Every structure is written in structure tokens, then in C-alpha cells.
Amino acid sequence: MTATADDIIAACESEWDEHKADCSGFANAVAARLHVPLHGMANNIVTAISQPPWSRLPDGVEAAKSAAAGRFVVAGLQGSAQAAPSQHGHVVVVVKGDLAHGKYPTAYWGRLGSVGSKAQTINFAWNQQDRDKVIYAAMEATV
């Protein structure tokens, strides 16, 4: 059965406590729950969502629309593309919800070496220099 936006939020809620300190582990666990093929660390995930069978989305507004329609949406940025380059990238799972500043969608994420956030807009997932460089992609999910 095709996932709904509420199914994706439920999957995020189910996996968040266990993976709140690991963005890629969180994204992978939610993807597995929704039967979406995804694996690897954040940089690998960003590479994967940048090509088929993932559908690239132009911006956070379209990512929010896609998530509200029940698609599994991942946003990410390679570590090398960050303003302060790092060996670690960062990924989040976009869910239905509000847009901050008319362009930053709501998401869940883990945070390596810290604690991520639940149902927070992604302008809190990246700093001001990086948040507009994030790529978005979507795929159909099932439950």
C-alpha cells in the first residue's frame, strides 16, 4: 500500500529515539520502514538521491509539497559542499508541515555527536551559509 504523509511521520517517530544521534542511520532506518532502498553514510545518501530512481526536486517548497503528498523526501548536503568542509555530510527526512521563511520545509533528523530534531524546519538543520545549497529528492514509499 502506498504510504501517506502521516505514515512517513509515524516512521520518523518510530525511529527517532534510536537514531537521534546519527543522521544517516535515521534516514536509513526510516527508509527501510517505508521499503525505500537507501544505505550508507550521509555523503553516500546525497550521491544516491542525486540520481535515478530518485526524483530531484528544485527546492524546499516542492519538497514540502511532495512530502505532503506521501512521497519519501530526503534533503542533504555533502560534507565537501559545506561552507566549512567536513568529511561528514548531513541528511534529513522531509515531512508534511510548515515552511519557514516560505522555503525551508519541516523535517526530522539525527545529528552525529549530538541530538537531532523532530518536526523542525530545516533552517535549523544547516547553518545560514549551507541551508540554501541543500538538495532535495523524492521516491514513492509503501507501508
N, C-alpha and C. Protein backbone atom coordinates (compact mmCIF):
# COMPACT_ATOMS: atom_id res chain seq x y z
N MET A 1 0.84 -1.18 0.00
CA MET A 1 0.00 0.00 0.00
C MET A 1 0.90 1.25 0.00
N THR A 2 0.55 2.23 -0.80
CA THR A 2 1.31 3.47 -0.89
C THR A 2 1.25 4.22 0.44
N ALA A 3 2.40 4.75 0.84
CA ALA A 3 2.48 5.49 2.10
C ALA A 3 1.75 6.82 2.00
N THR A 4 1.27 7.29 3.13
CA THR A 4 0.69 8.63 3.24
C THR A 4 1.68 9.52 3.99
N ALA A 5 1.41 10.80 3.98
CA ALA A 5 2.25 11.73 4.73
C ALA A 5 2.27 11.36 6.21
N ASP A 6 1.13 10.92 6.74
CA ASP A 6 1.08 10.51 8.15
C ASP A 6 1.88 9.24 8.40
N ASP A 7 1.92 8.32 7.43
CA ASP A 7 2.74 7.11 7.57
C ASP A 7 4.22 7.47 7.68
N ILE A 8 4.65 8.46 6.93
CA ILE A 8 6.05 8.86 6.95
C ILE A 8 6.39 9.50 8.29
N ILE A 9 5.51 10.33 8.79
CA ILE A 9 5.74 10.91 10.13
C ILE A 9 5.77 9.81 11.18
N ALA A 10 4.88 8.84 11.09
CA ALA A 10 4.87 7.73 12.05
C ALA A 10 6.18 6.95 11.99
N ALA A 11 6.71 6.74 10.79
CA ALA A 11 8.00 6.05 10.66
C ALA A 11 9.12 6.87 11.29
N CYS A 12 9.09 8.17 11.09
CA CYS A 12 10.09 9.05 11.71
C CYS A 12 10.00 8.98 13.23
N GLU A 13 8.79 9.05 13.75
CA GLU A 13 8.61 8.98 15.20
C GLU A 13 9.12 7.65 15.75
N SER A 14 8.86 6.56 15.02
CA SER A 14 9.27 5.23 15.47
C SER A 14 10.79 5.08 15.52
N GLU A 15 11.49 5.74 14.63
CA GLU A 15 12.95 5.57 14.53
C GLU A 15 13.77 6.66 15.20
N TRP A 16 13.14 7.76 15.56
CA TRP A 16 13.90 8.91 16.02
C TRP A 16 14.69 8.66 17.31
N ASP A 17 14.06 8.09 18.32
CA ASP A 17 14.77 7.88 19.59
C ASP A 17 16.04 7.06 19.42
N GLU A 18 15.95 6.00 18.62
CA GLU A 18 17.10 5.13 18.43
C GLU A 18 18.20 5.77 17.58
N HIS A 19 17.84 6.70 16.70
CA HIS A 19 18.80 7.25 15.75
C HIS A 19 18.96 8.77 15.85
N LYS A 20 18.59 9.35 16.96
CA LYS A 20 18.63 10.81 17.08
C LYS A 20 20.05 11.38 17.06
N ALA A 21 21.04 10.53 17.23
CA ALA A 21 22.43 10.98 17.21
C ALA A 21 23.16 10.54 15.94
N ASP A 22 22.40 10.24 14.88
CA ASP A 22 23.03 9.74 13.65
C ASP A 22 22.10 10.04 12.47
N CYS A 23 22.41 11.07 11.70
CA CYS A 23 21.50 11.47 10.62
C CYS A 23 21.36 10.39 9.56
N SER A 24 22.44 9.78 9.16
CA SER A 24 22.34 8.75 8.12
C SER A 24 21.66 7.50 8.65
N GLY A 25 21.96 7.12 9.88
CA GLY A 25 21.29 5.97 10.49
C GLY A 25 19.80 6.21 10.58
N PHE A 26 19.41 7.43 10.91
CA PHE A 26 17.99 7.77 10.98
C PHE A 26 17.35 7.67 9.60
N ALA A 27 17.93 8.31 8.61
CA ALA A 27 17.37 8.28 7.25
C ALA A 27 17.28 6.85 6.73
N ASN A 28 18.31 6.06 6.96
CA ASN A 28 18.31 4.66 6.51
C ASN A 28 17.21 3.85 7.20
N ALA A 29 17.03 4.05 8.50
CA ALA A 29 16.03 3.29 9.26
C ALA A 29 14.61 3.66 8.82
N VAL A 30 14.37 4.95 8.60
CA VAL A 30 13.04 5.38 8.14
C VAL A 30 12.80 4.83 6.73
N ALA A 31 13.80 4.91 5.88
CA ALA A 31 13.68 4.38 4.52
C ALA A 31 13.35 2.89 4.54
N ALA A 32 14.03 2.14 5.38
CA ALA A 32 13.78 0.69 5.46
C ALA A 32 12.34 0.42 5.91
N ARG A 33 11.86 1.19 6.86
CA ARG A 33 10.49 1.02 7.35
C ARG A 33 9.47 1.28 6.24
N LEU A 34 9.85 2.14 5.28
CA LEU A 34 8.94 2.52 4.19
C LEU A 34 9.27 1.80 2.87
N HIS A 35 10.13 0.79 2.95
CA HIS A 35 10.50 -0.02 1.79
C HIS A 35 11.15 0.79 0.68
N VAL A 36 11.97 1.75 1.06
CA VAL A 36 12.71 2.57 0.11
C VAL A 36 14.18 2.17 0.21
N PRO A 37 14.82 1.81 -0.91
CA PRO A 37 16.23 1.42 -0.85
C PRO A 37 17.12 2.64 -0.57
N LEU A 38 17.82 2.60 0.54
CA LEU A 38 18.73 3.68 0.92
C LEU A 38 19.74 3.09 1.89
N HIS A 39 21.00 3.45 1.76
CA HIS A 39 22.01 2.97 2.70
C HIS A 39 23.24 3.86 2.63
N GLY A 40 24.10 3.69 3.58
CA GLY A 40 25.36 4.42 3.62
C GLY A 40 25.33 5.61 4.55
N MET A 41 26.46 6.26 4.58
CA MET A 41 26.61 7.47 5.38
C MET A 41 26.00 8.65 4.61
N ALA A 42 25.96 9.81 5.23
CA ALA A 42 25.30 10.97 4.64
C ALA A 42 25.83 11.31 3.24
N ASN A 43 27.14 11.32 3.06
CA ASN A 43 27.68 11.64 1.73
C ASN A 43 27.20 10.64 0.69
N ASN A 44 27.15 9.35 1.05
CA ASN A 44 26.65 8.32 0.13
C ASN A 44 25.17 8.54 -0.18
N ILE A 45 24.41 8.92 0.83
CA ILE A 45 22.98 9.15 0.63
C ILE A 45 22.77 10.32 -0.32
N VAL A 46 23.52 11.40 -0.15
CA VAL A 46 23.38 12.56 -1.04
C VAL A 46 23.71 12.15 -2.48
N THR A 47 24.73 11.35 -2.66
CA THR A 47 25.06 10.85 -4.00
C THR A 47 23.90 10.02 -4.55
N ALA A 48 23.34 9.15 -3.74
CA ALA A 48 22.25 8.27 -4.19
C ALA A 48 21.01 9.06 -4.59
N ILE A 49 20.64 10.06 -3.80
CA ILE A 49 19.40 10.79 -4.10
C ILE A 49 19.58 11.78 -5.25
N SER A 50 20.80 11.94 -5.70
CA SER A 50 21.09 12.85 -6.81
C SER A 50 20.86 12.22 -8.17
N GLN A 51 20.46 10.95 -8.19
CA GLN A 51 20.31 10.24 -9.47
C GLN A 51 19.13 9.28 -9.42
N PRO A 52 18.68 8.81 -10.59
CA PRO A 52 17.56 7.86 -10.62
C PRO A 52 17.89 6.62 -9.80
N PRO A 53 16.90 6.02 -9.16
CA PRO A 53 15.47 6.24 -9.38
C PRO A 53 14.87 7.38 -8.57
N TRP A 54 15.69 8.12 -7.86
CA TRP A 54 15.19 9.28 -7.11
C TRP A 54 14.80 10.39 -8.07
N SER A 55 13.80 11.16 -7.71
CA SER A 55 13.37 12.33 -8.48
C SER A 55 13.87 13.58 -7.76
N ARG A 56 14.76 14.31 -8.42
CA ARG A 56 15.27 15.55 -7.84
C ARG A 56 14.15 16.59 -7.80
N LEU A 57 14.12 17.34 -6.73
CA LEU A 57 13.13 18.40 -6.54
C LEU A 57 13.88 19.74 -6.56
N PRO A 58 13.29 20.77 -7.14
CA PRO A 58 14.03 22.02 -7.30
C PRO A 58 14.29 22.82 -6.03
N ASP A 59 13.43 22.65 -5.02
CA ASP A 59 13.59 23.49 -3.83
C ASP A 59 12.76 22.95 -2.66
N GLY A 60 12.85 23.64 -1.55
CA GLY A 60 12.14 23.22 -0.35
C GLY A 60 10.63 23.30 -0.47
N VAL A 61 10.13 24.21 -1.28
CA VAL A 61 8.69 24.33 -1.47
C VAL A 61 8.16 23.05 -2.14
N GLU A 62 8.84 22.61 -3.20
CA GLU A 62 8.43 21.39 -3.89
C GLU A 62 8.66 20.16 -3.00
N ALA A 63 9.70 20.19 -2.19
CA ALA A 63 9.95 19.09 -1.26
C ALA A 63 8.79 18.97 -0.27
N ALA A 64 8.32 20.10 0.25
CA ALA A 64 7.21 20.10 1.19
C ALA A 64 5.94 19.57 0.53
N LYS A 65 5.68 19.99 -0.70
CA LYS A 65 4.51 19.50 -1.44
C LYS A 65 4.59 18.00 -1.66
N SER A 66 5.76 17.53 -2.02
CA SER A 66 5.96 16.11 -2.28
C SER A 66 5.77 15.30 -0.99
N ALA A 67 6.30 15.79 0.12
CA ALA A 67 6.13 15.10 1.40
C ALA A 67 4.66 15.09 1.82
N ALA A 68 3.97 16.19 1.60
CA ALA A 68 2.54 16.26 1.95
C ALA A 68 1.72 15.28 1.11
N ALA A 69 2.21 14.96 -0.08
CA ALA A 69 1.53 14.01 -0.96
C ALA A 69 1.88 12.56 -0.63
N GLY A 70 2.73 12.35 0.38
CA GLY A 70 3.04 11.00 0.81
C GLY A 70 4.28 10.39 0.19
N ARG A 71 5.09 11.20 -0.48
CA ARG A 71 6.35 10.68 -1.01
C ARG A 71 7.42 10.77 0.07
N PHE A 72 8.40 9.87 0.00
CA PHE A 72 9.53 9.88 0.93
C PHE A 72 10.54 10.88 0.38
N VAL A 73 10.79 11.95 1.12
CA VAL A 73 11.65 13.03 0.66
C VAL A 73 12.87 13.14 1.58
N VAL A 74 14.03 13.15 0.96
CA VAL A 74 15.29 13.33 1.69
C VAL A 74 15.95 14.60 1.19
N ALA A 75 16.49 15.37 2.12
CA ALA A 75 17.28 16.55 1.79
C ALA A 75 18.68 16.30 2.32
N GLY A 76 19.68 16.77 1.60
CA GLY A 76 21.04 16.54 2.06
C GLY A 76 22.06 17.46 1.44
N LEU A 77 23.23 17.45 2.05
CA LEU A 77 24.36 18.23 1.56
C LEU A 77 25.63 17.46 1.86
N GLN A 78 26.45 17.28 0.83
CA GLN A 78 27.74 16.61 1.00
C GLN A 78 28.61 17.43 1.96
N GLY A 79 29.44 16.75 2.72
CA GLY A 79 30.36 17.44 3.61
C GLY A 79 31.30 18.38 2.87
N SER A 80 31.74 17.98 1.68
CA SER A 80 32.66 18.81 0.90
C SER A 80 31.99 20.07 0.35
N ALA A 81 30.67 20.12 0.31
CA ALA A 81 29.94 21.28 -0.20
C ALA A 81 29.58 22.28 0.89
N GLN A 82 29.86 21.93 2.13
CA GLN A 82 29.53 22.81 3.25
C GLN A 82 30.48 24.00 3.30
N ALA A 83 30.04 25.10 3.85
CA ALA A 83 30.87 26.30 3.98
C ALA A 83 32.16 25.99 4.74
N ALA A 84 32.04 25.15 5.76
CA ALA A 84 33.21 24.64 6.48
C ALA A 84 33.31 23.16 6.09
N PRO A 85 34.05 22.84 5.02
CA PRO A 85 34.07 21.46 4.53
C PRO A 85 34.39 20.44 5.63
N SER A 86 33.71 19.31 5.52
CA SER A 86 33.82 18.25 6.52
C SER A 86 33.81 16.91 5.81
N GLN A 87 34.34 15.89 6.46
CA GLN A 87 34.25 14.55 5.88
C GLN A 87 32.84 14.00 6.00
N HIS A 88 32.01 14.63 6.83
CA HIS A 88 30.64 14.17 7.03
C HIS A 88 29.64 15.16 6.43
N GLY A 89 28.72 14.64 5.62
CA GLY A 89 27.61 15.44 5.14
C GLY A 89 26.48 15.38 6.15
N HIS A 90 25.31 15.81 5.72
CA HIS A 90 24.15 15.79 6.60
C HIS A 90 22.91 15.53 5.76
N VAL A 91 21.99 14.72 6.30
CA VAL A 91 20.73 14.41 5.62
C VAL A 91 19.58 14.50 6.61
N VAL A 92 18.40 14.81 6.06
CA VAL A 92 17.17 14.88 6.85
C VAL A 92 16.04 14.22 6.07
N VAL A 93 14.98 13.85 6.77
CA VAL A 93 13.77 13.34 6.14
C VAL A 93 12.72 14.44 6.22
N VAL A 94 12.31 14.92 5.06
CA VAL A 94 11.31 15.99 4.98
C VAL A 94 9.92 15.38 5.17
N VAL A 95 9.10 16.05 5.96
CA VAL A 95 7.73 15.60 6.22
C VAL A 95 6.76 16.74 5.96
N LYS A 96 5.46 16.41 5.95
CA LYS A 96 4.47 17.48 5.78
C LYS A 96 4.57 18.41 6.98
N GLY A 97 4.31 19.68 6.71
CA GLY A 97 4.37 20.66 7.78
C GLY A 97 4.61 22.05 7.21
N ASP A 98 4.86 22.95 8.11
CA ASP A 98 5.05 24.35 7.74
C ASP A 98 6.36 24.57 6.99
N LEU A 99 6.40 25.68 6.25
CA LEU A 99 7.62 26.17 5.62
C LEU A 99 8.10 27.37 6.42
N ALA A 100 9.36 27.38 6.80
CA ALA A 100 9.93 28.57 7.45
C ALA A 100 10.40 29.52 6.36
N HIS A 101 10.13 30.79 6.55
CA HIS A 101 10.56 31.82 5.61
C HIS A 101 10.10 31.52 4.18
N GLY A 102 9.02 30.76 4.05
CA GLY A 102 8.46 30.45 2.75
C GLY A 102 9.26 29.49 1.91
N LYS A 103 10.32 28.87 2.49
CA LYS A 103 11.14 27.97 1.67
C LYS A 103 11.81 26.80 2.38
N TYR A 104 11.82 26.76 3.69
CA TYR A 104 12.50 25.68 4.41
C TYR A 104 11.47 24.71 4.99
N PRO A 105 11.40 23.48 4.45
CA PRO A 105 10.37 22.53 4.87
C PRO A 105 10.64 21.94 6.26
N THR A 106 9.60 21.34 6.80
CA THR A 106 9.67 20.64 8.08
C THR A 106 10.33 19.27 7.86
N ALA A 107 11.11 18.84 8.84
CA ALA A 107 11.84 17.57 8.70
C ALA A 107 12.15 16.98 10.08
N TYR A 108 12.64 15.75 10.02
CA TYR A 108 13.21 15.05 11.18
C TYR A 108 14.65 14.72 10.81
N TRP A 109 15.54 14.73 11.81
CA TRP A 109 16.92 14.33 11.55
C TRP A 109 17.65 13.94 12.82
N GLY A 110 18.62 13.10 12.64
CA GLY A 110 19.57 12.80 13.70
C GLY A 110 20.75 13.75 13.53
N ARG A 111 21.60 13.83 14.53
CA ARG A 111 22.77 14.71 14.45
C ARG A 111 23.96 13.99 15.04
N LEU A 112 24.95 13.71 14.22
CA LEU A 112 26.15 12.99 14.64
C LEU A 112 26.82 13.69 15.82
N GLY A 113 27.01 12.96 16.89
CA GLY A 113 27.67 13.51 18.06
C GLY A 113 26.80 14.46 18.88
N SER A 114 25.52 14.51 18.60
CA SER A 114 24.61 15.42 19.30
C SER A 114 23.22 14.80 19.26
N VAL A 115 22.20 15.61 19.29
CA VAL A 115 20.82 15.15 19.18
C VAL A 115 20.15 15.95 18.07
N GLY A 116 19.50 15.26 17.17
CA GLY A 116 18.81 15.91 16.06
C GLY A 116 17.54 16.60 16.50
N SER A 117 16.62 16.75 15.56
CA SER A 117 15.35 17.41 15.86
C SER A 117 14.19 16.68 15.22
N LYS A 118 13.03 16.87 15.83
CA LYS A 118 11.79 16.27 15.35
C LYS A 118 10.85 17.39 14.91
N ALA A 119 10.28 17.23 13.70
CA ALA A 119 9.27 18.16 13.21
C ALA A 119 9.72 19.62 13.33
N GLN A 120 10.92 19.88 12.87
CA GLN A 120 11.52 21.22 12.90
C GLN A 120 11.86 21.61 11.47
N THR A 121 11.80 22.87 11.14
CA THR A 121 12.14 23.27 9.77
C THR A 121 13.66 23.19 9.56
N ILE A 122 14.04 22.90 8.30
CA ILE A 122 15.45 22.58 8.05
C ILE A 122 16.40 23.76 8.17
N ASN A 123 15.90 24.96 8.31
CA ASN A 123 16.81 26.07 8.56
C ASN A 123 17.50 25.89 9.91
N PHE A 124 17.05 24.93 10.72
CA PHE A 124 17.73 24.58 11.97
C PHE A 124 18.66 23.38 11.78
N ALA A 125 18.58 22.70 10.63
CA ALA A 125 19.43 21.54 10.37
C ALA A 125 20.77 21.93 9.77
N TRP A 126 20.81 23.08 9.09
CA TRP A 126 22.03 23.59 8.49
C TRP A 126 22.21 25.04 8.89
N ASN A 127 23.44 25.51 8.81
CA ASN A 127 23.67 26.92 9.13
C ASN A 127 23.23 27.80 7.96
N GLN A 128 23.25 29.09 8.16
CA GLN A 128 22.75 30.04 7.18
C GLN A 128 23.53 29.96 5.87
N GLN A 129 24.81 29.62 5.92
CA GLN A 129 25.62 29.53 4.71
C GLN A 129 25.31 28.28 3.89
N ASP A 130 24.82 27.23 4.54
CA ASP A 130 24.62 25.95 3.86
C ASP A 130 23.18 25.63 3.50
N ARG A 131 22.23 26.18 4.20
CA ARG A 131 20.85 25.73 4.04
C ARG A 131 20.26 25.96 2.66
N ASP A 132 20.78 26.90 1.89
CA ASP A 132 20.27 27.12 0.54
C ASP A 132 21.01 26.28 -0.51
N LYS A 133 21.99 25.50 -0.10
CA LYS A 133 22.72 24.61 -1.01
C LYS A 133 22.20 23.18 -0.95
N VAL A 134 21.29 22.91 -0.04
CA VAL A 134 20.76 21.56 0.18
C VAL A 134 20.06 21.05 -1.08
N ILE A 135 20.23 19.77 -1.39
CA ILE A 135 19.47 19.18 -2.49
C ILE A 135 18.33 18.36 -1.92
N TYR A 136 17.26 18.25 -2.68
CA TYR A 136 16.06 17.52 -2.29
C TYR A 136 15.74 16.47 -3.34
N ALA A 137 15.27 15.33 -2.89
CA ALA A 137 14.83 14.29 -3.82
C ALA A 137 13.74 13.46 -3.15
N ALA A 138 12.91 12.85 -4.01
CA ALA A 138 11.77 12.09 -3.51
C ALA A 138 11.66 10.74 -4.21
N MET A 139 10.99 9.81 -3.52
CA MET A 139 10.72 8.50 -4.06
C MET A 139 9.42 8.00 -3.46
N GLU A 140 8.71 7.16 -4.19
CA GLU A 140 7.49 6.57 -3.67
C GLU A 140 7.84 5.64 -2.51
N ALA A 141 6.97 5.60 -1.52
CA ALA A 141 7.16 4.75 -0.34
C ALA A 141 5.92 3.90 -0.14
N THR A 142 6.11 2.76 0.53
CA THR A 142 4.99 1.89 0.83
C THR A 142 5.03 1.50 2.30
N VAL A 143 3.88 1.06 2.78
CA VAL A 143 3.79 0.58 4.17
C VAL A 143 3.23 -0.83 4.18
